[in-house]
Amino acid sequence: MKSTTTLLASILAFAVGAAVGDNCNVPLIYCGHSLIAKGKYQPQIDQCLFDNNHPTLDNGQSVLFGCIGGTNGVIQFLQDCGTGRCMDNGNGKNDTCF
């Protein structure tokens, strides 16, 4: 019974971690699509676009955001790359427009 309880606790811990996602890393720059892949960033992306009077043509996926950090991984609007023109350059590297 103890091993079953331990197994269930491990599965639950993994599931919760996977659902929460990961925060951005300061001072990296991210494409919107990279942030969405990291975790639950869509509401924060939407707010950044709204605050900067920016249209949400592709839900901010082709926009560059700077990581401010903090416990919620706060981001700031930097630049619109144009639809489909934002490149994820890999872990630990700034994303760029192309």
PDB file of N, CA and C in Angstrom:
ATOM      1  N   MET A   1       0.826  -1.197   0.000  1.00  0.00           N
ATOM      2  CA  MET A   1       0.000   0.000   0.000  1.00  0.00           C
ATOM      3  C   MET A   1       0.868   1.257   0.000  1.00  0.00           C
ATOM      4  N   LYS A   2       1.980   1.199   0.747  1.00  0.00           N
ATOM      5  CA  LYS A   2       2.847   2.369   0.834  1.00  0.00           C
ATOM      6  C   LYS A   2       3.432   2.719  -0.533  1.00  0.00           C
ATOM      7  N   SER A   3       3.839   1.706  -1.310  1.00  0.00           N
ATOM      8  CA  SER A   3       4.413   1.988  -2.626  1.00  0.00           C
ATOM      9  C   SER A   3       3.364   2.566  -3.579  1.00  0.00           C
ATOM     10  N   THR A   4       2.119   2.129  -3.458  1.00  0.00           N
ATOM     11  CA  THR A   4       1.042   2.684  -4.281  1.00  0.00           C
ATOM     12  C   THR A   4       0.808   4.147  -3.940  1.00  0.00           C
ATOM     13  N   THR A   5       0.810   4.468  -2.653  1.00  0.00           N
ATOM     14  CA  THR A   5       0.629   5.853  -2.214  1.00  0.00           C
ATOM     15  C   THR A   5       1.779   6.720  -2.700  1.00  0.00           C
ATOM     16  N   THR A   6       3.005   6.212  -2.612  1.00  0.00           N
ATOM     17  CA  THR A   6       4.175   6.953  -3.076  1.00  0.00           C
ATOM     18  C   THR A   6       4.099   7.183  -4.581  1.00  0.00           C
ATOM     19  N   LEU A   7       3.699   6.152  -5.313  1.00  0.00           N
ATOM     20  CA  LEU A   7       3.564   6.272  -6.763  1.00  0.00           C
ATOM     21  C   LEU A   7       2.512   7.312  -7.131  1.00  0.00           C
ATOM     22  N   LEU A   8       1.366   7.273  -6.481  1.00  0.00           N
ATOM     23  CA  LEU A   8       0.309   8.250  -6.753  1.00  0.00           C
ATOM     24  C   LEU A   8       0.760   9.666  -6.416  1.00  0.00           C
ATOM     25  N   ALA A   9       1.482   9.829  -5.322  1.00  0.00           N
ATOM     26  CA  ALA A   9       1.985  11.152  -4.939  1.00  0.00           C
ATOM     27  C   ALA A   9       2.974  11.667  -5.973  1.00  0.00           C
ATOM     28  N   SER A  10       3.826  10.792  -6.490  1.00  0.00           N
ATOM     29  CA  SER A  10       4.796  11.191  -7.514  1.00  0.00           C
ATOM     30  C   SER A  10       4.107  11.607  -8.801  1.00  0.00           C
ATOM     31  N   ILE A  11       3.101  10.838  -9.203  1.00  0.00           N
ATOM     32  CA  ILE A  11       2.349  11.169 -10.421  1.00  0.00           C
ATOM     33  C   ILE A  11       1.629  12.500 -10.260  1.00  0.00           C
ATOM     34  N   LEU A  12       1.024  12.714  -9.114  1.00  0.00           N
ATOM     35  CA  LEU A  12       0.318  13.967  -8.852  1.00  0.00           C
ATOM     36  C   LEU A  12       1.277  15.148  -8.863  1.00  0.00           C
ATOM     37  N   ALA A  13       2.432  15.004  -8.236  1.00  0.00           N
ATOM     38  CA  ALA A  13       3.425  16.088  -8.207  1.00  0.00           C
ATOM     39  C   ALA A  13       3.889  16.426  -9.614  1.00  0.00           C
ATOM     40  N   PHE A  14       4.111  15.407 -10.447  1.00  0.00           N
ATOM     41  CA  PHE A  14       4.520  15.643 -11.824  1.00  0.00           C
ATOM     42  C   PHE A  14       3.419  16.348 -12.607  1.00  0.00           C
ATOM     43  N   ALA A  15       2.189  15.899 -12.446  1.00  0.00           N
ATOM     44  CA  ALA A  15       1.059  16.486 -13.173  1.00  0.00           C
ATOM     45  C   ALA A  15       0.859  17.942 -12.798  1.00  0.00           C
ATOM     46  N   VAL A  16       0.969  18.262 -11.525  1.00  0.00           N
ATOM     47  CA  VAL A  16       0.820  19.648 -11.081  1.00  0.00           C
ATOM     48  C   VAL A  16       1.936  20.495 -11.657  1.00  0.00           C
ATOM     49  N   GLY A  17       3.155  20.006 -11.635  1.00  0.00           N
ATOM     50  CA  GLY A  17       4.288  20.740 -12.194  1.00  0.00           C
ATOM     51  C   GLY A  17       4.135  20.971 -13.678  1.00  0.00           C
ATOM     52  N   ALA A  18       3.649  19.965 -14.389  1.00  0.00           N
ATOM     53  CA  ALA A  18       3.466  20.095 -15.831  1.00  0.00           C
ATOM     54  C   ALA A  18       2.358  21.081 -16.161  1.00  0.00           C
ATOM     55  N   ALA A  19       1.317  21.134 -15.345  1.00  0.00           N
ATOM     56  CA  ALA A  19       0.198  22.041 -15.596  1.00  0.00           C
ATOM     57  C   ALA A  19       0.586  23.487 -15.344  1.00  0.00           C
ATOM     58  N   VAL A  20       1.417  23.723 -14.356  1.00  0.00           N
ATOM     59  CA  VAL A  20       1.815  25.078 -14.006  1.00  0.00           C
ATOM     60  C   VAL A  20       2.762  25.641 -15.044  1.00  0.00           C
ATOM     61  N   GLY A  21       3.697  24.838 -15.528  1.00  0.00           N
ATOM     62  CA  GLY A  21       4.646  25.292 -16.512  1.00  0.00           C
ATOM     63  C   GLY A  21       5.857  25.936 -15.880  1.00  0.00           C
ATOM     64  N   ASP A  22       6.576  26.695 -16.682  1.00  0.00           N
ATOM     65  CA  ASP A  22       7.846  27.266 -16.274  1.00  0.00           C
ATOM     66  C   ASP A  22       7.800  28.772 -16.494  1.00  0.00           C
ATOM     67  N   ASN A  23       8.527  29.502 -15.673  1.00  0.00           N
ATOM     68  CA  ASN A  23       8.620  30.950 -15.847  1.00  0.00           C
ATOM     69  C   ASN A  23       9.735  31.297 -16.822  1.00  0.00           C
ATOM     70  N   CYS A  24       9.655  32.491 -17.374  1.00  0.00           N
ATOM     71  CA  CYS A  24      10.718  32.995 -18.232  1.00  0.00           C
ATOM     72  C   CYS A  24      11.965  33.263 -17.387  1.00  0.00           C
ATOM     73  N   ASN A  25      13.095  33.396 -18.058  1.00  0.00           N
ATOM     74  CA  ASN A  25      14.366  33.659 -17.376  1.00  0.00           C
ATOM     75  C   ASN A  25      14.876  35.051 -17.727  1.00  0.00           C
ATOM     76  N   VAL A  26      15.167  35.842 -16.696  1.00  0.00           N
ATOM     77  CA  VAL A  26      15.717  37.190 -16.873  1.00  0.00           C
ATOM     78  C   VAL A  26      17.159  37.047 -17.337  1.00  0.00           C
ATOM     79  N   PRO A  27      17.652  37.782 -18.280  1.00  0.00           N
ATOM     80  CA  PRO A  27      17.051  38.867 -19.067  1.00  0.00           C
ATOM     81  C   PRO A  27      16.680  38.432 -20.477  1.00  0.00           C
ATOM     82  N   LEU A  28      16.298  37.178 -20.651  1.00  0.00           N
ATOM     83  CA  LEU A  28      16.060  36.664 -22.001  1.00  0.00           C
ATOM     84  C   LEU A  28      14.844  37.298 -22.677  1.00  0.00           C
ATOM     85  N   ILE A  29      14.877  37.264 -23.999  1.00  0.00           N
ATOM     86  CA  ILE A  29      13.802  37.767 -24.851  1.00  0.00           C
ATOM     87  C   ILE A  29      13.139  36.559 -25.510  1.00  0.00           C
ATOM     88  N   TYR A  30      11.810  36.547 -25.497  1.00  0.00           N
ATOM     89  CA  TYR A  30      11.045  35.399 -25.977  1.00  0.00           C
ATOM     90  C   TYR A  30      10.017  35.802 -27.024  1.00  0.00           C
ATOM     91  N   CYS A  31       9.832  34.935 -28.025  1.00  0.00           N
ATOM     92  CA  CYS A  31       8.674  35.038 -28.906  1.00  0.00           C
ATOM     93  C   CYS A  31       7.453  34.622 -28.100  1.00  0.00           C
ATOM     94  N   GLY A  32       6.307  35.141 -28.468  1.00  0.00           N
ATOM     95  CA  GLY A  32       5.081  34.737 -27.799  1.00  0.00           C
ATOM     96  C   GLY A  32       4.867  33.234 -27.843  1.00  0.00           C
ATOM     97  N   HIS A  33       5.163  32.616 -28.995  1.00  0.00           N
ATOM     98  CA  HIS A  33       4.960  31.164 -29.103  1.00  0.00           C
ATOM     99  C   HIS A  33       5.898  30.388 -28.182  1.00  0.00           C
ATOM    100  N   SER A  34       7.074  30.932 -27.897  1.00  0.00           N
ATOM    101  CA  SER A  34       8.002  30.282 -26.958  1.00  0.00           C
ATOM    102  C   SER A  34       7.459  30.353 -25.539  1.00  0.00           C
ATOM    103  N   LEU A  35       6.876  31.500 -25.180  1.00  0.00           N
ATOM    104  CA  LEU A  35       6.293  31.646 -23.842  1.00  0.00           C
ATOM    105  C   LEU A  35       5.094  30.722 -23.662  1.00  0.00           C
ATOM    106  N   ILE A  36       4.270  30.608 -24.694  1.00  0.00           N
ATOM    107  CA  ILE A  36       3.102  29.730 -24.616  1.00  0.00           C
ATOM    108  C   ILE A  36       3.556  28.280 -24.431  1.00  0.00           C
ATOM    109  N   ALA A  37       4.640  27.893 -25.098  1.00  0.00           N
ATOM    110  CA  ALA A  37       5.169  26.535 -24.940  1.00  0.00           C
ATOM    111  C   ALA A  37       5.731  26.318 -23.535  1.00  0.00           C
ATOM    112  N   LYS A  38       6.229  27.386 -22.900  1.00  0.00           N
ATOM    113  CA  LYS A  38       6.786  27.301 -21.547  1.00  0.00           C
ATOM    114  C   LYS A  38       5.723  27.066 -20.493  1.00  0.00           C
ATOM    115  N   GLY A  39       4.579  27.679 -20.672  1.00  0.00           N
ATOM    116  CA  GLY A  39       3.554  27.566 -19.637  1.00  0.00           C
ATOM    117  C   GLY A  39       2.325  28.387 -19.956  1.00  0.00           C
ATOM    118  N   LYS A  40       1.632  28.791 -18.930  1.00  0.00           N
ATOM    119  CA  LYS A  40       0.350  29.494 -19.076  1.00  0.00           C
ATOM    120  C   LYS A  40       0.566  30.997 -19.257  1.00  0.00           C
ATOM    121  N   TYR A  41       1.159  31.377 -20.365  1.00  0.00           N
ATOM    122  CA  TYR A  41       1.480  32.776 -20.628  1.00  0.00           C
ATOM    123  C   TYR A  41       0.439  33.511 -21.459  1.00  0.00           C
ATOM    124  N   GLN A  42      -0.533  32.821 -22.056  1.00  0.00           N
ATOM    125  CA  GLN A  42      -1.468  33.508 -22.955  1.00  0.00           C
ATOM    126  C   GLN A  42      -2.186  34.683 -22.297  1.00  0.00           C
ATOM    127  N   PRO A  43      -2.705  34.552 -21.062  1.00  0.00           N
ATOM    128  CA  PRO A  43      -3.367  35.714 -20.445  1.00  0.00           C
ATOM    129  C   PRO A  43      -2.421  36.908 -20.262  1.00  0.00           C
ATOM    130  N   GLN A  44      -1.176  36.639 -19.903  1.00  0.00           N
ATOM    131  CA  GLN A  44      -0.211  37.722 -19.716  1.00  0.00           C
ATOM    132  C   GLN A  44       0.164  38.359 -21.058  1.00  0.00           C
ATOM    133  N   ILE A  45       0.286  37.544 -22.096  1.00  0.00           N
ATOM    134  CA  ILE A  45       0.553  38.053 -23.443  1.00  0.00           C
ATOM    135  C   ILE A  45      -0.602  38.943 -23.891  1.00  0.00           C
ATOM    136  N   ASP A  46      -1.829  38.463 -23.702  1.00  0.00           N
ATOM    137  CA  ASP A  46      -3.009  39.251 -24.077  1.00  0.00           C
ATOM    138  C   ASP A  46      -3.015  40.599 -23.366  1.00  0.00           C
ATOM    139  N   GLN A  47      -2.680  40.614 -22.080  1.00  0.00           N
ATOM    140  CA  GLN A  47      -2.659  41.858 -21.308  1.00  0.00           C
ATOM    141  C   GLN A  47      -1.583  42.806 -21.821  1.00  0.00           C
ATOM    142  N   CYS A  48      -0.392  42.276 -22.130  1.00  0.00           N
ATOM    143  CA  CYS A  48       0.689  43.113 -22.677  1.00  0.00           C
ATOM    144  C   CYS A  48       0.274  43.749 -24.000  1.00  0.00           C
ATOM    145  N   LEU A  49      -0.358  42.957 -24.861  1.00  0.00           N
ATOM    146  CA  LEU A  49      -0.801  43.482 -26.153  1.00  0.00           C
ATOM    147  C   LEU A  49      -1.851  44.567 -25.961  1.00  0.00           C
ATOM    148  N   PHE A  50      -2.795  44.337 -25.067  1.00  0.00           N
ATOM    149  CA  PHE A  50      -3.836  45.321 -24.773  1.00  0.00           C
ATOM    150  C   PHE A  50      -3.223  46.600 -24.213  1.00  0.00           C
ATOM    151  N   ASP A  51      -2.317  46.464 -23.246  1.00  0.00           N
ATOM    152  CA  ASP A  51      -1.684  47.629 -22.614  1.00  0.00           C
ATOM    153  C   ASP A  51      -0.892  48.467 -23.609  1.00  0.00           C
ATOM    154  N   ASN A  52      -0.401  47.842 -24.682  1.00  0.00           N
ATOM    155  CA  ASN A  52       0.396  48.544 -25.689  1.00  0.00           C
ATOM    156  C   ASN A  52      -0.399  48.848 -26.956  1.00  0.00           C
ATOM    157  N   ASN A  53      -1.744  48.768 -26.858  1.00  0.00           N
ATOM    158  CA  ASN A  53      -2.624  49.043 -28.001  1.00  0.00           C
ATOM    159  C   ASN A  53      -2.195  48.282 -29.249  1.00  0.00           C
ATOM    160  N   HIS A  54      -1.829  47.032 -29.055  1.00  0.00           N
ATOM    161  CA  HIS A  54      -1.338  46.207 -30.152  1.00  0.00           C
ATOM    162  C   HIS A  54      -2.402  45.186 -30.547  1.00  0.00           C
ATOM    163  N   PRO A  55      -2.635  45.000 -31.853  1.00  0.00           N
ATOM    164  CA  PRO A  55      -3.631  44.014 -32.276  1.00  0.00           C
ATOM    165  C   PRO A  55      -3.183  42.591 -31.930  1.00  0.00           C
ATOM    166  N   THR A  56      -4.150  41.715 -31.807  1.00  0.00           N
ATOM    167  CA  THR A  56      -3.849  40.323 -31.453  1.00  0.00           C
ATOM    168  C   THR A  56      -4.075  39.416 -32.658  1.00  0.00           C
ATOM    169  N   LEU A  57      -3.388  39.704 -33.748  1.00  0.00           N
ATOM    170  CA  LEU A  57      -3.592  38.967 -34.995  1.00  0.00           C
ATOM    171  C   LEU A  57      -3.321  37.476 -34.847  1.00  0.00           C
ATOM    172  N   ASP A  58      -2.232  37.109 -34.217  1.00  0.00           N
ATOM    173  CA  ASP A  58      -1.912  35.685 -34.032  1.00  0.00           C
ATOM    174  C   ASP A  58      -1.729  35.362 -32.549  1.00  0.00           C
ATOM    175  N   ASN A  59      -2.523  36.034 -31.714  1.00  0.00           N
ATOM    176  CA  ASN A  59      -2.477  35.852 -30.256  1.00  0.00           C
ATOM    177  C   ASN A  59      -1.109  36.166 -29.658  1.00  0.00           C
ATOM    178  N   GLY A  60      -0.366  37.038 -30.315  1.00  0.00           N
ATOM    179  CA  GLY A  60       0.931  37.458 -29.787  1.00  0.00           C
ATOM    180  C   GLY A  60       2.047  36.465 -30.017  1.00  0.00           C
ATOM    181  N   GLN A  61       1.809  35.450 -30.821  1.00  0.00           N
ATOM    182  CA  GLN A  61       2.839  34.432 -31.039  1.00  0.00           C
ATOM    183  C   GLN A  61       4.053  34.972 -31.779  1.00  0.00           C
ATOM    184  N   SER A  62       3.876  36.012 -32.595  1.00  0.00           N
ATOM    185  CA  SER A  62       4.976  36.575 -33.383  1.00  0.00           C
ATOM    186  C   SER A  62       5.469  37.902 -32.821  1.00  0.00           C
ATOM    187  N   VAL A  63       5.317  38.067 -31.520  1.00  0.00           N
ATOM    188  CA  VAL A  63       5.754  39.285 -30.834  1.00  0.00           C
ATOM    189  C   VAL A  63       6.896  38.920 -29.897  1.00  0.00           C
ATOM    190  N   LEU A  64       7.883  39.820 -29.780  1.00  0.00           N
ATOM    191  CA  LEU A  64       8.974  39.620 -28.826  1.00  0.00           C
ATOM    192  C   LEU A  64       8.608  40.244 -27.488  1.00  0.00           C
ATOM    193  N   PHE A  65       8.869  39.505 -26.421  1.00  0.00           N
ATOM    194  CA  PHE A  65       8.628  39.950 -25.051  1.00  0.00           C
ATOM    195  C   PHE A  65       9.913  39.812 -24.250  1.00  0.00           C
ATOM    196  N   GLY A  66      10.173  40.795 -23.408  1.00  0.00           N
ATOM    197  CA  GLY A  66      11.302  40.714 -22.493  1.00  0.00           C
ATOM    198  C   GLY A  66      10.847  40.138 -21.170  1.00  0.00           C
ATOM    199  N   CYS A  67      11.697  39.332 -20.564  1.00  0.00           N
ATOM    200  CA  CYS A  67      11.377  38.740 -19.265  1.00  0.00           C
ATOM    201  C   CYS A  67      11.816  39.689 -18.155  1.00  0.00           C
ATOM    202  N   ILE A  68      10.859  40.149 -17.367  1.00  0.00           N
ATOM    203  CA  ILE A  68      11.149  40.981 -16.197  1.00  0.00           C
ATOM    204  C   ILE A  68      11.396  40.085 -14.989  1.00  0.00           C
ATOM    205  N   GLY A  69      10.698  38.958 -14.937  1.00  0.00           N
ATOM    206  CA  GLY A  69      10.915  37.963 -13.888  1.00  0.00           C
ATOM    207  C   GLY A  69       9.919  38.053 -12.759  1.00  0.00           C
ATOM    208  N   GLY A  70      10.368  37.704 -11.556  1.00  0.00           N
ATOM    209  CA  GLY A  70       9.491  37.642 -10.401  1.00  0.00           C
ATOM    210  C   GLY A  70       8.851  36.275 -10.280  1.00  0.00           C
ATOM    211  N   THR A  71       8.019  36.104  -9.271  1.00  0.00           N
ATOM    212  CA  THR A  71       7.420  34.794  -9.006  1.00  0.00           C
ATOM    213  C   THR A  71       6.450  34.347 -10.090  1.00  0.00           C
ATOM    214  N   ASN A  72       5.903  35.287 -10.856  1.00  0.00           N
ATOM    215  CA  ASN A  72       4.966  34.935 -11.927  1.00  0.00           C
ATOM    216  C   ASN A  72       5.582  35.040 -13.314  1.00  0.00           C
ATOM    217  N   GLY A  73       6.884  35.314 -13.393  1.00  0.00           N
ATOM    218  CA  GLY A  73       7.528  35.430 -14.693  1.00  0.00           C
ATOM    219  C   GLY A  73       6.952  36.552 -15.532  1.00  0.00           C
ATOM    220  N   VAL A  74       6.934  37.753 -14.977  1.00  0.00           N
ATOM    221  CA  VAL A  74       6.347  38.913 -15.648  1.00  0.00           C
ATOM    222  C   VAL A  74       7.109  39.216 -16.940  1.00  0.00           C
ATOM    223  N   ILE A  75       6.368  39.593 -17.973  1.00  0.00           N
ATOM    224  CA  ILE A  75       6.943  39.925 -19.277  1.00  0.00           C
ATOM    225  C   ILE A  75       6.541  41.337 -19.688  1.00  0.00           C
ATOM    226  N   GLN A  76       7.286  41.889 -20.660  1.00  0.00           N
ATOM    227  CA  GLN A  76       6.937  43.194 -21.226  1.00  0.00           C
ATOM    228  C   GLN A  76       7.013  43.125 -22.748  1.00  0.00           C
ATOM    229  N   PHE A  77       6.127  43.877 -23.397  1.00  0.00           N
ATOM    230  CA  PHE A  77       6.084  43.958 -24.860  1.00  0.00           C
ATOM    231  C   PHE A  77       7.348  44.648 -25.357  1.00  0.00           C
ATOM    232  N   LEU A  78       7.992  44.077 -26.378  1.00  0.00           N
ATOM    233  CA  LEU A  78       9.165  44.710 -26.978  1.00  0.00           C
ATOM    234  C   LEU A  78       8.933  45.090 -28.434  1.00  0.00           C
ATOM    235  N   GLN A  79       8.511  44.109 -29.265  1.00  0.00           N
ATOM    236  CA  GLN A  79       8.451  44.357 -30.701  1.00  0.00           C
ATOM    237  C   GLN A  79       7.574  43.322 -31.393  1.00  0.00           C
ATOM    238  N   ASP A  80       6.847  43.771 -32.407  1.00  0.00           N
ATOM    239  CA  ASP A  80       6.094  42.857 -33.265  1.00  0.00           C
ATOM    240  C   ASP A  80       7.000  42.453 -34.423  1.00  0.00           C
ATOM    241  N   CYS A  81       7.160  41.167 -34.635  1.00  0.00           N
ATOM    242  CA  CYS A  81       8.015  40.669 -35.720  1.00  0.00           C
ATOM    243  C   CYS A  81       7.269  40.528 -37.039  1.00  0.00           C
ATOM    244  N   GLY A  82       5.953  40.533 -36.993  1.00  0.00           N
ATOM    245  CA  GLY A  82       5.156  40.222 -38.172  1.00  0.00           C
ATOM    246  C   GLY A  82       4.765  38.754 -38.109  1.00  0.00           C
ATOM    247  N   THR A  83       3.591  38.444 -38.570  1.00  0.00           N
ATOM    248  CA  THR A  83       3.054  37.086 -38.448  1.00  0.00           C
ATOM    249  C   THR A  83       4.017  36.036 -39.000  1.00  0.00           C
ATOM    250  N   GLY A  84       4.352  35.074 -38.146  1.00  0.00           N
ATOM    251  CA  GLY A  84       5.228  33.966 -38.529  1.00  0.00           C
ATOM    252  C   GLY A  84       6.694  34.312 -38.639  1.00  0.00           C
ATOM    253  N   ARG A  85       7.104  35.490 -38.147  1.00  0.00           N
ATOM    254  CA  ARG A  85       8.490  35.938 -38.332  1.00  0.00           C
ATOM    255  C   ARG A  85       9.260  36.067 -37.022  1.00  0.00           C
ATOM    256  N   CYS A  86       8.906  35.271 -36.029  1.00  0.00           N
ATOM    257  CA  CYS A  86       9.610  35.275 -34.747  1.00  0.00           C
ATOM    258  C   CYS A  86      10.277  33.914 -34.571  1.00  0.00           C
ATOM    259  N   MET A  87      11.588  33.913 -34.324  1.00  0.00           N
ATOM    260  CA  MET A  87      12.358  32.678 -34.282  1.00  0.00           C
ATOM    261  C   MET A  87      12.812  32.328 -32.867  1.00  0.00           C
ATOM    262  N   ASP A  88      12.500  31.104 -32.450  1.00  0.00           N
ATOM    263  CA  ASP A  88      12.985  30.546 -31.189  1.00  0.00           C
ATOM    264  C   ASP A  88      14.409  30.063 -31.438  1.00  0.00           C
ATOM    265  N   ASN A  89      15.374  30.670 -30.778  1.00  0.00           N
ATOM    266  CA  ASN A  89      16.779  30.335 -30.997  1.00  0.00           C
ATOM    267  C   ASN A  89      17.331  29.315 -30.008  1.00  0.00           C
ATOM    268  N   GLY A  90      16.456  28.672 -29.238  1.00  0.00           N
ATOM    269  CA  GLY A  90      16.894  27.607 -28.345  1.00  0.00           C
ATOM    270  C   GLY A  90      17.037  28.045 -26.902  1.00  0.00           C
ATOM    271  N   ASN A  91      17.203  27.056 -26.035  1.00  0.00           N
ATOM    272  CA  ASN A  91      17.327  27.285 -24.591  1.00  0.00           C
ATOM    273  C   ASN A  91      18.484  28.208 -24.248  1.00  0.00           C
ATOM    274  N   GLY A  92      18.211  29.193 -23.410  1.00  0.00           N
ATOM    275  CA  GLY A  92      19.249  30.090 -22.928  1.00  0.00           C
ATOM    276  C   GLY A  92      19.679  31.155 -23.916  1.00  0.00           C
ATOM    277  N   LYS A  93      19.003  31.244 -25.065  1.00  0.00           N
ATOM    278  CA  LYS A  93      19.339  32.244 -26.084  1.00  0.00           C
ATOM    279  C   LYS A  93      18.129  33.129 -26.338  1.00  0.00           C
ATOM    280  N   ASN A  94      18.390  34.395 -26.671  1.00  0.00           N
ATOM    281  CA  ASN A  94      17.307  35.315 -27.011  1.00  0.00           C
ATOM    282  C   ASN A  94      16.644  34.893 -28.315  1.00  0.00           C
ATOM    283  N   ASP A  95      15.319  34.972 -28.348  1.00  0.00           N
ATOM    284  CA  ASP A  95      14.580  34.791 -29.591  1.00  0.00           C
ATOM    285  C   ASP A  95      14.714  36.079 -30.400  1.00  0.00           C
ATOM    286  N   THR A  96      14.512  35.988 -31.702  1.00  0.00           N
ATOM    287  CA  THR A  96      14.698  37.144 -32.579  1.00  0.00           C
ATOM    288  C   THR A  96      13.639  37.170 -33.677  1.00  0.00           C
ATOM    289  N   CYS A  97      13.480  38.351 -34.268  1.00  0.00           N
ATOM    290  CA  CYS A  97      12.677  38.493 -35.479  1.00  0.00           C
ATOM    291  C   CYS A  97      13.563  38.117 -36.664  1.00  0.00           C
ATOM    292  N   PHE A  98      12.940  37.635 -37.733  1.00  0.00           N
ATOM    293  CA  PHE A  98      13.712  37.358 -38.953  1.00  0.00           C
ATOM    294  C   PHE A  98      12.962  37.844 -40.169  1.00  0.00           C
TER     295      PHE A  98
END
